[in-house]
Amino acid sequence: MSQKLSAFLIGLALVVMLANSSLYVIKETEKAVKLRFGRIVEPDIKPGIYVKLPFADDVRKFDSRILTLDAEPESFLTVQKKRLIVDAFAKWRIVDVATYYKATGGEESVAHSRLADRVNDGLRNQFGTRTLHEAVSGERDQLMAHITEDLNERVRESLGVEVVDVRVKRIDLPQEVSEQVFRRMKAEREKEARELRSKGLEAAERIRADADRQETIIAANAYRESENTRGAGDAEASTVYATAYQRNPEFYAFSRSLIAYRKAFANKGDVMLIDPDSDFFSYLKDKSGK
């Protein structure tokens, strides 16, 4: 009984090993080629389950989805001989499995290396026919479309791949050029700042002069009005005095004398040397002022 079980298990293991070496599965996200003794016998195997000859056939599988090539930044010259540092990436996928395998040996790194060379050549050609403005902003979409079209004409037959899209992530000036541009921009901004400051100082002086002129005018008008008012008051006072004097000249003279006495004798320490017969003492001698 144990011998039969052992034989059964050995036979089952052989069947599993045979099935494992004879059956293979191609997924929906894969492309594959079948090699028989190193030669391609099935160039484009569709997704499904298949049988192969053990030890004779070899199945190589590749990713059929869209892949990304992120190339290293490269230096390119524009038509104006301006050097730019361009960082770009490309989207690609396998369309001809046999050609792809023959060109790259099935190594994705080899495909990336060769495709990167062709992408850089395309970028160099396109940037070399455009100005800096056209390359940076004016015709970027058109530039990318031309690069994609030119690449597909070359890589389909040589690498068996299709370039879906090429995009530029960044376009920078070289470090030395960036420093020169920065210095020039700084000088322009400083010049603009000086112009703005000078205009501000000019406007401030104009406002200050206008304020001083208005101050002088207002002060002159106020002085004129005050003098007019003072003159009108003095005239009215003179009229009042004259009217009062005409009504009772003797009382007016007496009142004026009392005011003079009050002011003259306001400080008891004052000393006055006046002729006794002076008119100043007229009302001190006689109530009628005689």
Foldseek 3Di string as FASTA:
>chain_A
DVVVVVVVVVVVVVVVVQCVQFKDFADQQKWKFKDFQRHTPRFTDHGDMGTDDGPGIDMAIDGQDKDKQFDDWDWAAALVRAIKTWGKMWIKGAQGRNLQCVQQVNDVVSVSVVLNVLLVVLVNVLRHHHDPCCCPPVPVVVSFVSSQVVSQVPCCNNNRMHTPTMDIPDMGGDPVVVVVVVVVVVVVVVVVVVVVVVVVVVVVVVVVVVVVVVVVVVVVVVVVVVVVVVVVVVVVVVVVLVVVCVVPVQVSVVVVLVVVVCVVPVDVVDDDDDDPPDLSCQCVVPVSSD
